[in-house]
């Protein structure tokens, strides 16, 4: 593998890693936003419970408010769960892509190493052939010198 090919491969790997980090940061921001939204929902529910307690509601009003509260809590937990599931799916997808790129890089590196080994073998063979050719030329020159002497 040529040095320029290795450089472009290394550049591509660096770009992929930067993209992975960017995606991970985006996922972390999504998770932080989801956590903040869940905390806000919990604060809202707590203030609603406090309002119910302060109002000293009658039985019917209390049941109605409690039912609404439970619906809101269920919705909040569903939204939080969905957000976490989506974030987990994104993280898994990013990890799978990184693994795929890593295995591609490893295969390319193995091919490059094999190509380098073949080049080294070819150079040694060429050097041996050149040495044999030089020896043959020297022998021919010596034999013509002996004949002429």
N, C-alpha and C. Protein backbone atom coordinates (compact mmCIF):
# COMPACT_ATOMS: atom_id res chain seq x y z
N UNK A 1 0.86 -1.17 0.00
CA UNK A 1 0.00 0.00 0.00
C UNK A 1 0.90 1.23 0.00
N UNK A 2 0.60 2.17 -0.85
CA UNK A 2 1.40 3.39 -0.96
C UNK A 2 1.22 4.25 0.28
N UNK A 3 2.24 5.04 0.59
CA UNK A 3 2.10 5.95 1.74
C UNK A 3 0.92 6.91 1.58
N UNK A 4 0.67 7.35 0.34
CA UNK A 4 -0.47 8.26 0.13
C UNK A 4 -1.79 7.56 0.39
N UNK A 5 -1.86 6.26 0.02
CA UNK A 5 -3.07 5.49 0.29
C UNK A 5 -3.27 5.31 1.80
N UNK A 6 -2.17 5.05 2.49
CA UNK A 6 -2.27 4.90 3.95
C UNK A 6 -2.69 6.21 4.59
N UNK A 7 -2.16 7.31 4.08
CA UNK A 7 -2.53 8.62 4.62
C UNK A 7 -4.00 8.90 4.39
N UNK A 8 -4.49 8.60 3.18
CA UNK A 8 -5.91 8.84 2.91
C UNK A 8 -6.78 7.91 3.75
N UNK A 9 -6.33 6.69 3.97
CA UNK A 9 -7.07 5.75 4.81
C UNK A 9 -7.08 6.25 6.26
N UNK A 10 -5.95 6.72 6.74
CA UNK A 10 -5.88 7.25 8.10
C UNK A 10 -6.76 8.49 8.24
N UNK A 11 -6.78 9.32 7.20
CA UNK A 11 -7.63 10.51 7.21
C UNK A 11 -9.09 10.10 7.26
N UNK A 12 -9.46 9.11 6.48
CA UNK A 12 -10.86 8.65 6.46
C UNK A 12 -11.25 8.08 7.83
N UNK A 13 -10.34 7.34 8.44
CA UNK A 13 -10.61 6.78 9.77
C UNK A 13 -10.80 7.90 10.77
N UNK A 14 -9.95 8.91 10.70
CA UNK A 14 -10.09 10.06 11.61
C UNK A 14 -11.43 10.76 11.40
N UNK A 15 -11.83 10.89 10.12
CA UNK A 15 -13.13 11.51 9.84
C UNK A 15 -14.27 10.69 10.42
N UNK A 16 -14.19 9.37 10.28
CA UNK A 16 -15.23 8.49 10.82
C UNK A 16 -15.28 8.57 12.34
N UNK A 17 -14.13 8.64 12.97
CA UNK A 17 -14.11 8.77 14.43
C UNK A 17 -14.70 10.10 14.87
N UNK A 18 -14.39 11.16 14.12
CA UNK A 18 -14.96 12.47 14.45
C UNK A 18 -16.47 12.45 14.29
N UNK A 19 -16.94 11.79 13.24
CA UNK A 19 -18.39 11.66 13.03
C UNK A 19 -19.02 10.86 14.16
N UNK A 20 -18.35 9.79 14.58
CA UNK A 20 -18.86 8.98 15.69
C UNK A 20 -18.97 9.83 16.96
N UNK A 21 -17.92 10.60 17.25
CA UNK A 21 -17.94 11.44 18.45
C UNK A 21 -19.03 12.49 18.36
N UNK A 22 -19.24 13.03 17.17
CA UNK A 22 -20.30 14.02 16.98
C UNK A 22 -21.66 13.39 17.25
N UNK A 23 -21.85 12.18 16.76
CA UNK A 23 -23.13 11.49 16.99
C UNK A 23 -23.31 11.17 18.47
N UNK A 24 -22.22 10.76 19.11
CA UNK A 24 -22.31 10.46 20.54
C UNK A 24 -22.65 11.71 21.34
N UNK A 25 -22.06 12.85 20.94
CA UNK A 25 -22.39 14.10 21.62
C UNK A 25 -23.86 14.46 21.41
N UNK A 26 -24.35 14.26 20.18
CA UNK A 26 -25.76 14.56 19.90
C UNK A 26 -26.66 13.65 20.74
N UNK A 27 -26.30 12.37 20.84
CA UNK A 27 -27.08 11.45 21.66
C UNK A 27 -27.05 11.87 23.12
N UNK A 28 -25.89 12.29 23.59
CA UNK A 28 -25.78 12.75 24.98
C UNK A 28 -26.64 13.99 25.20
N UNK A 29 -26.65 14.89 24.21
CA UNK A 29 -27.51 16.09 24.34
C UNK A 29 -28.98 15.69 24.37
N UNK A 30 -29.36 14.72 23.54
CA UNK A 30 -30.75 14.24 23.54
C UNK A 30 -31.10 13.63 24.90
N UNK A 31 -30.18 12.84 25.42
CA UNK A 31 -30.43 12.22 26.73
C UNK A 31 -30.55 13.29 27.82
N UNK A 32 -29.69 14.30 27.76
CA UNK A 32 -29.76 15.37 28.75
C UNK A 32 -31.08 16.12 28.64
N UNK A 33 -31.51 16.39 27.41
CA UNK A 33 -32.79 17.08 27.21
C UNK A 33 -33.95 16.22 27.72
N UNK A 34 -33.88 14.92 27.45
CA UNK A 34 -34.93 14.02 27.93
C UNK A 34 -34.95 13.97 29.45
N UNK A 35 -33.77 13.92 30.05
CA UNK A 35 -33.70 13.91 31.51
C UNK A 35 -34.26 15.20 32.09
N UNK A 36 -33.91 16.32 31.48
CA UNK A 36 -34.41 17.61 31.95
C UNK A 36 -35.93 17.67 31.82
N UNK A 37 -36.45 17.16 30.68
CA UNK A 37 -37.90 17.15 30.49
C UNK A 37 -38.58 16.27 31.54
N UNK A 38 -37.97 15.11 31.82
CA UNK A 38 -38.53 14.22 32.84
C UNK A 38 -38.50 14.89 34.22
N UNK A 39 -37.41 15.58 34.52
CA UNK A 39 -37.33 16.29 35.81
C UNK A 39 -38.39 17.39 35.88
N UNK A 40 -38.58 18.09 34.78
CA UNK A 40 -39.59 19.15 34.76
C UNK A 40 -40.98 18.55 34.98
N UNK A 41 -41.25 17.40 34.33
CA UNK A 41 -42.55 16.75 34.54
C UNK A 41 -42.73 16.36 36.00
N UNK A 42 -41.66 15.84 36.59
CA UNK A 42 -41.75 15.46 38.01
C UNK A 42 -41.98 16.68 38.89
N UNK A 43 -41.33 17.79 38.58
CA UNK A 43 -41.55 19.03 39.35
C UNK A 43 -43.00 19.49 39.19
N UNK A 44 -43.51 19.39 37.95
CA UNK A 44 -44.91 19.77 37.71
C UNK A 44 -45.86 18.90 38.52
N UNK A 45 -45.58 17.59 38.53
CA UNK A 45 -46.44 16.67 39.28
C UNK A 45 -46.36 16.98 40.77
N UNK A 46 -45.16 17.27 41.25
CA UNK A 46 -45.01 17.59 42.67
C UNK A 46 -45.77 18.86 43.02
N UNK A 47 -45.71 19.86 42.15
CA UNK A 47 -46.44 21.10 42.44
C UNK A 47 -47.95 20.86 42.37
N UNK A 48 -48.38 19.97 41.47
CA UNK A 48 -49.80 19.63 41.40
C UNK A 48 -50.25 18.92 42.68
N UNK A 49 -49.43 17.98 43.15
CA UNK A 49 -49.76 17.29 44.40
C UNK A 49 -49.81 18.28 45.57
N UNK A 50 -48.88 19.20 45.57
CA UNK A 50 -48.86 20.21 46.63
C UNK A 50 -50.11 21.08 46.56
N UNK A 51 -50.51 21.44 45.35
CA UNK A 51 -51.73 22.25 45.19
C UNK A 51 -52.95 21.49 45.68
N UNK A 52 -52.98 20.18 45.39
CA UNK A 52 -54.11 19.35 45.86
C UNK A 52 -54.13 19.33 47.39
N UNK A 53 -52.96 19.14 47.97
CA UNK A 53 -52.89 19.08 49.43
C UNK A 53 -53.28 20.40 50.07
N UNK A 54 -52.86 21.51 49.47
CA UNK A 54 -53.18 22.82 50.04
C UNK A 54 -54.65 23.17 49.86
N UNK A 55 -55.23 22.71 48.79
CA UNK A 55 -56.63 23.05 48.52
C UNK A 55 -57.57 22.30 49.44
N UNK A 56 -57.12 21.18 49.96
CA UNK A 56 -57.99 20.39 50.84
C UNK A 56 -59.24 19.98 50.09
N UNK A 57 -59.06 19.35 48.94
CA UNK A 57 -60.18 19.02 48.06
C UNK A 57 -61.13 18.03 48.72
N UNK A 58 -62.36 18.04 48.24
CA UNK A 58 -63.34 17.05 48.68
C UNK A 58 -63.00 15.73 48.02
N UNK A 59 -63.68 14.67 48.39
CA UNK A 59 -63.39 13.34 47.87
C UNK A 59 -63.48 13.25 46.36
N UNK A 60 -64.55 13.77 45.76
CA UNK A 60 -64.74 13.67 44.31
C UNK A 60 -63.68 14.46 43.56
N UNK A 61 -63.43 15.68 44.03
CA UNK A 61 -62.40 16.50 43.38
C UNK A 61 -61.03 15.83 43.49
N UNK A 62 -60.77 15.26 44.63
CA UNK A 62 -59.50 14.60 44.86
C UNK A 62 -59.32 13.41 43.92
N UNK A 63 -60.37 12.61 43.74
CA UNK A 63 -60.31 11.46 42.84
C UNK A 63 -60.08 11.92 41.41
N UNK A 64 -60.79 12.97 40.98
CA UNK A 64 -60.63 13.50 39.62
C UNK A 64 -59.21 14.01 39.41
N UNK A 65 -58.70 14.79 40.37
CA UNK A 65 -57.35 15.31 40.25
C UNK A 65 -56.32 14.18 40.30
N UNK A 66 -56.55 13.18 41.14
CA UNK A 66 -55.62 12.05 41.23
C UNK A 66 -55.60 11.26 39.92
N UNK A 67 -56.78 11.09 39.31
CA UNK A 67 -56.85 10.39 38.03
C UNK A 67 -56.08 11.16 36.96
N UNK A 68 -56.29 12.48 36.93
CA UNK A 68 -55.54 13.31 35.97
C UNK A 68 -54.04 13.23 36.24
N UNK A 69 -53.70 13.26 37.50
CA UNK A 69 -52.29 13.18 37.88
C UNK A 69 -51.68 11.86 37.41
N UNK A 70 -52.39 10.76 37.64
CA UNK A 70 -51.88 9.45 37.22
C UNK A 70 -51.74 9.37 35.70
N UNK A 71 -52.69 9.93 34.98
CA UNK A 71 -52.58 9.96 33.51
C UNK A 71 -51.36 10.76 33.07
N UNK A 72 -51.17 11.91 33.71
CA UNK A 72 -50.01 12.74 33.38
C UNK A 72 -48.70 12.03 33.71
N UNK A 73 -48.68 11.36 34.87
CA UNK A 73 -47.48 10.61 35.23
C UNK A 73 -47.20 9.49 34.24
N UNK A 74 -48.25 8.76 33.86
CA UNK A 74 -48.08 7.67 32.89
C UNK A 74 -47.56 8.21 31.56
N UNK A 75 -48.12 9.34 31.13
CA UNK A 75 -47.64 9.96 29.89
C UNK A 75 -46.19 10.40 30.00
N UNK A 76 -45.84 10.96 31.17
CA UNK A 76 -44.45 11.40 31.37
C UNK A 76 -43.49 10.22 31.34
N UNK A 77 -43.86 9.14 32.02
CA UNK A 77 -42.99 7.97 32.03
C UNK A 77 -42.89 7.34 30.64
N UNK A 78 -44.00 7.29 29.90
CA UNK A 78 -43.96 6.76 28.54
C UNK A 78 -43.05 7.60 27.66
N UNK A 79 -43.17 8.92 27.75
CA UNK A 79 -42.33 9.81 26.94
C UNK A 79 -40.86 9.64 27.30
N UNK A 80 -40.58 9.54 28.59
CA UNK A 80 -39.19 9.36 29.03
C UNK A 80 -38.65 8.02 28.54
N UNK A 81 -39.46 6.97 28.69
CA UNK A 81 -39.04 5.64 28.24
C UNK A 81 -38.78 5.65 26.74
N UNK A 82 -39.68 6.26 25.95
CA UNK A 82 -39.49 6.32 24.50
C UNK A 82 -38.22 7.08 24.14
N UNK A 83 -37.96 8.16 24.86
CA UNK A 83 -36.74 8.93 24.60
C UNK A 83 -35.50 8.09 24.88
N UNK A 84 -35.51 7.39 26.01
CA UNK A 84 -34.37 6.54 26.34
C UNK A 84 -34.20 5.41 25.33
N UNK A 85 -35.30 4.81 24.90
CA UNK A 85 -35.22 3.74 23.90
C UNK A 85 -34.65 4.26 22.59
N UNK A 86 -35.12 5.43 22.17
CA UNK A 86 -34.61 6.02 20.93
C UNK A 86 -33.12 6.31 21.05
N UNK A 87 -32.71 6.87 22.18
CA UNK A 87 -31.29 7.16 22.39
C UNK A 87 -30.47 5.87 22.39
N UNK A 88 -31.00 4.83 23.01
CA UNK A 88 -30.29 3.54 23.04
C UNK A 88 -30.17 2.96 21.64
N UNK A 89 -31.23 3.08 20.84
CA UNK A 89 -31.18 2.59 19.46
C UNK A 89 -30.13 3.35 18.66
N UNK A 90 -30.07 4.68 18.84
CA UNK A 90 -29.07 5.47 18.14
C UNK A 90 -27.66 5.06 18.56
N UNK A 91 -27.48 4.85 19.85
CA UNK A 91 -26.16 4.45 20.35
C UNK A 91 -25.75 3.08 19.80
N UNK A 92 -26.70 2.14 19.76
CA UNK A 92 -26.41 0.81 19.22
C UNK A 92 -26.08 0.90 17.73
N UNK A 93 -26.84 1.69 17.01
CA UNK A 93 -26.60 1.86 15.58
C UNK A 93 -25.22 2.46 15.34
N UNK A 94 -24.86 3.47 16.11
CA UNK A 94 -23.54 4.09 15.97
C UNK A 94 -22.44 3.09 16.28
N UNK A 95 -22.64 2.29 17.33
CA UNK A 95 -21.64 1.29 17.70
C UNK A 95 -21.48 0.24 16.61
N UNK A 96 -22.59 -0.19 16.01
CA UNK A 96 -22.52 -1.16 14.92
C UNK A 96 -21.77 -0.59 13.73
N UNK A 97 -22.03 0.68 13.42
CA UNK A 97 -21.33 1.31 12.29
C UNK A 97 -19.84 1.42 12.57
N UNK A 98 -19.49 1.78 13.80
CA UNK A 98 -18.07 1.88 14.16
C UNK A 98 -17.42 0.51 14.05
N UNK A 99 -18.09 -0.54 14.53
CA UNK A 99 -17.55 -1.89 14.43
C UNK A 99 -17.35 -2.29 12.97
N UNK A 100 -18.32 -1.95 12.12
CA UNK A 100 -18.21 -2.28 10.70
C UNK A 100 -17.02 -1.56 10.07
N UNK A 101 -16.88 -0.27 10.37
CA UNK A 101 -15.75 0.48 9.81
C UNK A 101 -14.42 -0.05 10.35
N UNK A 102 -14.42 -0.46 11.62
CA UNK A 102 -13.20 -1.00 12.22
C UNK A 102 -12.81 -2.30 11.53
N UNK A 103 -13.78 -3.18 11.27
CA UNK A 103 -13.45 -4.45 10.61
C UNK A 103 -13.00 -4.21 9.17
N UNK A 104 -13.61 -3.22 8.50
CA UNK A 104 -13.16 -2.88 7.14
C UNK A 104 -11.71 -2.39 7.19
N UNK A 105 -11.42 -1.52 8.16
CA UNK A 105 -10.05 -1.02 8.30
C UNK A 105 -9.08 -2.17 8.56
N UNK A 106 -9.46 -3.11 9.44
CA UNK A 106 -8.58 -4.24 9.74
C UNK A 106 -8.31 -5.07 8.49
N UNK A 107 -9.35 -5.32 7.69
CA UNK A 107 -9.16 -6.09 6.45
C UNK A 107 -8.24 -5.33 5.50
N UNK A 108 -8.45 -4.02 5.38
CA UNK A 108 -7.59 -3.23 4.50
C UNK A 108 -6.15 -3.23 5.01
N UNK A 109 -5.99 -3.17 6.32
CA UNK A 109 -4.64 -3.20 6.90
C UNK A 109 -3.98 -4.55 6.63
N UNK A 110 -4.74 -5.64 6.74
CA UNK A 110 -4.19 -6.96 6.46
C UNK A 110 -3.78 -7.07 4.99
N UNK A 111 -4.62 -6.54 4.10
CA UNK A 111 -4.28 -6.56 2.67
C UNK A 111 -3.03 -5.73 2.41
N UNK A 112 -2.94 -4.58 3.07
CA UNK A 112 -1.77 -3.72 2.89
C UNK A 112 -0.51 -4.43 3.39
N UNK A 113 -0.61 -5.11 4.53
CA UNK A 113 0.54 -5.85 5.06
C UNK A 113 0.95 -6.97 4.11
N UNK A 114 -0.05 -7.68 3.56
CA UNK A 114 0.24 -8.75 2.60
C UNK A 114 0.89 -8.18 1.34
N UNK A 115 0.39 -7.05 0.87
CA UNK A 115 0.97 -6.41 -0.32
C UNK A 115 2.41 -5.97 -0.03
N UNK A 116 2.65 -5.42 1.15
CA UNK A 116 4.02 -5.03 1.52
C UNK A 116 4.95 -6.23 1.55
N UNK A 117 4.46 -7.36 2.07
CA UNK A 117 5.26 -8.57 2.11
C UNK A 117 5.58 -9.06 0.70
N UNK A 118 4.58 -9.00 -0.20
CA UNK A 118 4.82 -9.41 -1.59
C UNK A 118 5.83 -8.50 -2.27
N UNK A 119 5.75 -7.21 -2.00
CA UNK A 119 6.71 -6.27 -2.58
C UNK A 119 8.12 -6.59 -2.08
N UNK A 120 8.25 -6.90 -0.80
CA UNK A 120 9.56 -7.24 -0.24
C UNK A 120 10.12 -8.51 -0.89
N UNK A 121 9.27 -9.51 -1.09
CA UNK A 121 9.69 -10.76 -1.74
C UNK A 121 10.11 -10.46 -3.18
N UNK A 122 9.33 -9.65 -3.88
CA UNK A 122 9.65 -9.31 -5.27
C UNK A 122 10.98 -8.55 -5.34
N UNK A 123 11.22 -7.67 -4.40
CA UNK A 123 12.49 -6.92 -4.39
C UNK A 123 13.68 -7.85 -4.15
N UNK A 124 13.51 -8.79 -3.22
CA UNK A 124 14.60 -9.75 -2.96
C UNK A 124 14.86 -10.60 -4.20
N UNK A 125 13.79 -11.05 -4.86
CA UNK A 125 13.95 -11.87 -6.07
C UNK A 125 14.63 -11.06 -7.17
N UNK A 126 14.25 -9.80 -7.32
CA UNK A 126 14.87 -8.95 -8.34
C UNK A 126 16.35 -8.73 -8.01
N UNK A 127 16.65 -8.54 -6.73
CA UNK A 127 18.04 -8.34 -6.32
C UNK A 127 18.86 -9.60 -6.62
N UNK A 128 18.30 -10.79 -6.33
CA UNK A 128 19.01 -12.04 -6.62
C UNK A 128 19.21 -12.21 -8.12
N UNK A 129 18.18 -11.90 -8.89
CA UNK A 129 18.29 -12.02 -10.35
C UNK A 129 19.35 -11.05 -10.88
N UNK A 130 19.37 -9.84 -10.34
CA UNK A 130 20.35 -8.85 -10.77
C UNK A 130 21.76 -9.33 -10.40
N UNK A 131 21.91 -9.90 -9.20
CA UNK A 131 23.22 -10.41 -8.78
C UNK A 131 23.68 -11.55 -9.69
N UNK A 132 22.75 -12.45 -10.05
CA UNK A 132 23.10 -13.56 -10.95
C UNK A 132 23.47 -13.03 -12.33
N UNK A 133 22.76 -12.03 -12.79
CA UNK A 133 23.06 -11.43 -14.09
C UNK A 133 24.44 -10.78 -14.06
N UNK A 134 24.72 -10.07 -12.97
CA UNK A 134 26.04 -9.44 -12.83
C UNK A 134 27.14 -10.50 -12.80
N UNK A 135 26.89 -11.62 -12.09
CA UNK A 135 27.87 -12.71 -12.03
C UNK A 135 28.09 -13.30 -13.42
N UNK A 136 27.01 -13.49 -14.17
CA UNK A 136 27.12 -14.06 -15.51
C UNK A 136 27.90 -13.12 -16.43
N UNK A 137 27.64 -11.84 -16.33
CA UNK A 137 28.37 -10.87 -17.16
C UNK A 137 29.85 -10.85 -16.78
N UNK A 138 30.14 -10.92 -15.49
CA UNK A 138 31.53 -10.93 -15.04
C UNK A 138 32.23 -12.19 -15.53
N UNK A 139 31.57 -13.35 -15.45
CA UNK A 139 32.15 -14.61 -15.95
C UNK A 139 32.42 -14.52 -17.44
N UNK A 140 31.48 -13.95 -18.19
CA UNK A 140 31.66 -13.82 -19.64
C UNK A 140 32.84 -12.90 -19.94
N UNK A 141 32.96 -11.83 -19.22
CA UNK A 141 34.06 -10.89 -19.46
C UNK A 141 35.40 -11.54 -19.12
N UNK A 142 35.43 -12.28 -17.98
CA UNK A 142 36.67 -12.96 -17.59
C UNK A 142 37.07 -14.02 -18.61
N UNK A 143 36.09 -14.75 -19.13
CA UNK A 143 36.41 -15.80 -20.11
C UNK A 143 36.93 -15.17 -21.41
N UNK A 144 36.39 -14.03 -21.83
CA UNK A 144 36.91 -13.37 -23.04
C UNK A 144 38.31 -12.82 -22.77
N UNK A 145 38.58 -12.37 -21.58
CA UNK A 145 39.91 -11.86 -21.24
C UNK A 145 40.92 -13.00 -21.23
N UNK A 146 40.50 -14.16 -20.76
CA UNK A 146 41.41 -15.31 -20.70
C UNK A 146 41.73 -15.80 -22.10
N UNK A 147 40.70 -15.79 -22.96
CA UNK A 147 40.92 -16.25 -24.34
C UNK A 147 41.86 -15.31 -25.08
N UNK A 148 41.68 -14.04 -24.83
CA UNK A 148 42.52 -13.08 -25.54
C UNK A 148 43.95 -13.04 -24.96
N UNK A 149 44.14 -13.51 -23.77
CA UNK A 149 45.47 -13.47 -23.16
C UNK A 149 46.33 -14.61 -23.54
